[in-house]
Amino acid sequence: MTRRNLWFALPGAVLLLSACGKAQPVVTAELEVEDAEGTTVVRPIADLEVRLFPFDRDEVFDSLAAAAPTPEPEIPDSVLQAQAEVRAAQEAWQQLESRWNTLRDT
């Protein structure tokens, strides 16, 4: 993960962790950098203060819906149909892969 990707991933990780229950999350911020030999090493970012803010997910969606000038659009049937086709293809693939693994291992 590059330094630029870390700055995009870190806020997302903070939001995901802040939505968790009452447990105290442990957050580790790290950078992947190349050392003098050209290999990638992970270095922790020391003394990085992270603040987690609890929020009510439903309240956020309700406030977004109230602030929008138009209602949320319906998902087109073609998209739902394509999603169902993908799901069916994935299930068929998993079944065949499971069968192949069983035959290979026996």
C-alpha atoms as a PDB file:
ATOM      1  CA  MET A   1       0.000   0.000   0.000  1.00  0.00           C
ATOM      2  CA  THR A   2       1.473   3.307  -0.988  1.00  0.00           C
ATOM      3  CA  ARG A   3       1.511   6.357   1.202  1.00  0.00           C
ATOM      4  CA  ARG A   4      -1.220   7.984  -0.903  1.00  0.00           C
ATOM      5  CA  ASN A   5      -3.462   4.924  -0.599  1.00  0.00           C
ATOM      6  CA  LEU A   6      -2.937   4.914   3.161  1.00  0.00           C
ATOM      7  CA  TRP A   7      -4.351   8.416   3.465  1.00  0.00           C
ATOM      8  CA  PHE A   8      -7.483   7.294   1.611  1.00  0.00           C
ATOM      9  CA  ALA A   9      -7.802   4.015   3.522  1.00  0.00           C
ATOM     10  CA  LEU A  10      -7.216   5.477   6.987  1.00  0.00           C
ATOM     11  CA  PRO A  11     -10.416   7.596   7.161  1.00  0.00           C
ATOM     12  CA  GLY A  12     -12.444   4.633   5.917  1.00  0.00           C
ATOM     13  CA  ALA A  13     -10.912   2.387   8.550  1.00  0.00           C
ATOM     14  CA  VAL A  14     -11.636   4.976  11.223  1.00  0.00           C
ATOM     15  CA  LEU A  15     -15.282   5.154  10.156  1.00  0.00           C
ATOM     16  CA  LEU A  16     -15.617   1.374  10.134  1.00  0.00           C
ATOM     17  CA  LEU A  17     -14.054   1.036  13.554  1.00  0.00           C
ATOM     18  CA  SER A  18     -16.129   3.843  15.021  1.00  0.00           C
ATOM     19  CA  ALA A  19     -19.313   2.008  14.051  1.00  0.00           C
ATOM     20  CA  CYS A  20     -18.354  -0.964  16.210  1.00  0.00           C
ATOM     21  CA  GLY A  21     -19.919  -1.664  19.591  1.00  0.00           C
ATOM     22  CA  LYS A  22     -18.615  -0.718  23.000  1.00  0.00           C
ATOM     23  CA  ALA A  23     -15.302  -2.534  22.604  1.00  0.00           C
ATOM     24  CA  GLN A  24     -12.174  -0.418  22.532  1.00  0.00           C
ATOM     25  CA  PRO A  25     -10.645  -0.831  19.064  1.00  0.00           C
ATOM     26  CA  VAL A  26      -6.915  -0.958  18.544  1.00  0.00           C
ATOM     27  CA  VAL A  27      -5.776   0.939  15.461  1.00  0.00           C
ATOM     28  CA  THR A  28      -2.327   0.529  13.970  1.00  0.00           C
ATOM     29  CA  ALA A  29      -1.226   2.965  11.269  1.00  0.00           C
ATOM     30  CA  GLU A  30       1.578   1.639   9.108  1.00  0.00           C
ATOM     31  CA  LEU A  31       3.427   2.590   5.953  1.00  0.00           C
ATOM     32  CA  GLU A  32       4.877   0.191   3.427  1.00  0.00           C
ATOM     33  CA  VAL A  33       8.178   1.582   2.165  1.00  0.00           C
ATOM     34  CA  GLU A  34      11.148   0.204   0.300  1.00  0.00           C
ATOM     35  CA  ASP A  35      14.376  -0.135   2.217  1.00  0.00           C
ATOM     36  CA  ALA A  36      17.898   0.255   0.829  1.00  0.00           C
ATOM     37  CA  GLU A  37      17.860  -3.309  -0.509  1.00  0.00           C
ATOM     38  CA  GLY A  38      14.683  -2.706  -2.500  1.00  0.00           C
ATOM     39  CA  THR A  39      12.423  -4.911  -0.384  1.00  0.00           C
ATOM     40  CA  THR A  40       9.165  -3.621   1.017  1.00  0.00           C
ATOM     41  CA  VAL A  41       9.048  -3.201   4.786  1.00  0.00           C
ATOM     42  CA  VAL A  42       6.217  -2.107   7.060  1.00  0.00           C
ATOM     43  CA  ARG A  43       6.967   0.772   9.401  1.00  0.00           C
ATOM     44  CA  PRO A  44       4.479   1.876  12.055  1.00  0.00           C
ATOM     45  CA  ILE A  45       3.594   5.547  12.285  1.00  0.00           C
ATOM     46  CA  ALA A  46       4.418   6.470  15.872  1.00  0.00           C
ATOM     47  CA  ASP A  47       2.398   8.905  17.977  1.00  0.00           C
ATOM     48  CA  LEU A  48      -0.462   9.230  15.501  1.00  0.00           C
ATOM     49  CA  GLU A  49      -3.550  10.276  17.425  1.00  0.00           C
ATOM     50  CA  VAL A  50      -6.772   8.716  16.161  1.00  0.00           C
ATOM     51  CA  ARG A  51     -10.183   9.878  17.360  1.00  0.00           C
ATOM     52  CA  LEU A  52     -13.195   7.658  16.893  1.00  0.00           C
ATOM     53  CA  PHE A  53     -16.651   9.183  16.914  1.00  0.00           C
ATOM     54  CA  PRO A  54     -19.653   6.957  17.587  1.00  0.00           C
ATOM     55  CA  PHE A  55     -22.695   7.579  15.419  1.00  0.00           C
ATOM     56  CA  ASP A  56     -26.134   6.172  14.721  1.00  0.00           C
ATOM     57  CA  ARG A  57     -26.122   4.740  11.201  1.00  0.00           C
ATOM     58  CA  ASP A  58     -29.898   4.992  10.768  1.00  0.00           C
ATOM     59  CA  GLU A  59     -29.893   8.607  11.914  1.00  0.00           C
ATOM     60  CA  VAL A  60     -27.212   9.465   9.344  1.00  0.00           C
ATOM     61  CA  PHE A  61     -29.229   7.889   6.514  1.00  0.00           C
ATOM     62  CA  ASP A  62     -32.431   9.591   7.709  1.00  0.00           C
ATOM     63  CA  SER A  63     -30.742  12.997   7.772  1.00  0.00           C
ATOM     64  CA  LEU A  64     -29.293  12.420   4.290  1.00  0.00           C
ATOM     65  CA  ALA A  65     -32.728  11.436   2.974  1.00  0.00           C
ATOM     66  CA  ALA A  66     -34.294  14.527   4.568  1.00  0.00           C
ATOM     67  CA  ALA A  67     -31.622  16.831   3.126  1.00  0.00           C
ATOM     68  CA  ALA A  68     -31.921  15.481  -0.437  1.00  0.00           C
ATOM     69  CA  PRO A  69     -34.204  17.443  -2.775  1.00  0.00           C
ATOM     70  CA  THR A  70     -35.355  14.248  -4.545  1.00  0.00           C
ATOM     71  CA  PRO A  71     -36.036  10.771  -3.149  1.00  0.00           C
ATOM     72  CA  GLU A  72     -33.547   7.951  -3.547  1.00  0.00           C
ATOM     73  CA  PRO A  73     -33.930   6.417  -7.030  1.00  0.00           C
ATOM     74  CA  GLU A  74     -35.111   2.839  -7.422  1.00  0.00           C
ATOM     75  CA  ILE A  75     -32.601   0.251  -8.591  1.00  0.00           C
ATOM     76  CA  PRO A  76     -33.425  -0.665 -12.216  1.00  0.00           C
ATOM     77  CA  ASP A  77     -34.695  -4.193 -12.859  1.00  0.00           C
ATOM     78  CA  SER A  78     -31.859  -4.765 -15.335  1.00  0.00           C
ATOM     79  CA  VAL A  79     -29.303  -4.181 -12.575  1.00  0.00           C
ATOM     80  CA  LEU A  80     -31.138  -6.514 -10.181  1.00  0.00           C
ATOM     81  CA  GLN A  81     -31.341  -9.157 -12.904  1.00  0.00           C
ATOM     82  CA  ALA A  82     -27.629  -8.809 -13.688  1.00  0.00           C
ATOM     83  CA  GLN A  83     -26.847  -9.101  -9.980  1.00  0.00           C
ATOM     84  CA  ALA A  84     -28.907 -12.306  -9.757  1.00  0.00           C
ATOM     85  CA  GLU A  85     -27.100 -13.722 -12.810  1.00  0.00           C
ATOM     86  CA  VAL A  86     -23.718 -12.970 -11.266  1.00  0.00           C
ATOM     87  CA  ARG A  87     -24.794 -14.585  -7.991  1.00  0.00           C
ATOM     88  CA  ALA A  88     -25.974 -17.714  -9.853  1.00  0.00           C
ATOM     89  CA  ALA A  89     -22.715 -17.888 -11.818  1.00  0.00           C
ATOM     90  CA  GLN A  90     -20.682 -17.544  -8.619  1.00  0.00           C
ATOM     91  CA  GLU A  91     -22.668 -20.316  -6.928  1.00  0.00           C
ATOM     92  CA  ALA A  92     -22.185 -22.595  -9.943  1.00  0.00           C
ATOM     93  CA  TRP A  93     -18.474 -21.817  -9.933  1.00  0.00           C
ATOM     94  CA  GLN A  94     -18.184 -22.579  -6.215  1.00  0.00           C
ATOM     95  CA  GLN A  95     -20.014 -25.892  -6.635  1.00  0.00           C
ATOM     96  CA  LEU A  96     -17.769 -26.942  -9.522  1.00  0.00           C
ATOM     97  CA  GLU A  97     -14.672 -25.806  -7.667  1.00  0.00           C
ATOM     98  CA  SER A  98     -15.742 -27.780  -4.594  1.00  0.00           C
ATOM     99  CA  ARG A  99     -16.355 -30.842  -6.751  1.00  0.00           C
ATOM    100  CA  TRP A 100     -12.968 -30.420  -8.430  1.00  0.00           C
ATOM    101  CA  ASN A 101     -11.221 -30.080  -5.053  1.00  0.00           C
ATOM    102  CA  THR A 102     -12.932 -33.238  -3.800  1.00  0.00           C
ATOM    103  CA  LEU A 103     -11.956 -35.221  -6.893  1.00  0.00           C
ATOM    104  CA  ARG A 104      -8.412 -33.887  -6.815  1.00  0.00           C
ATOM    105  CA  ASP A 105      -7.913 -34.737  -3.139  1.00  0.00           C
ATOM    106  CA  THR A 106      -9.293 -38.306  -3.353  1.00  0.00           C
END
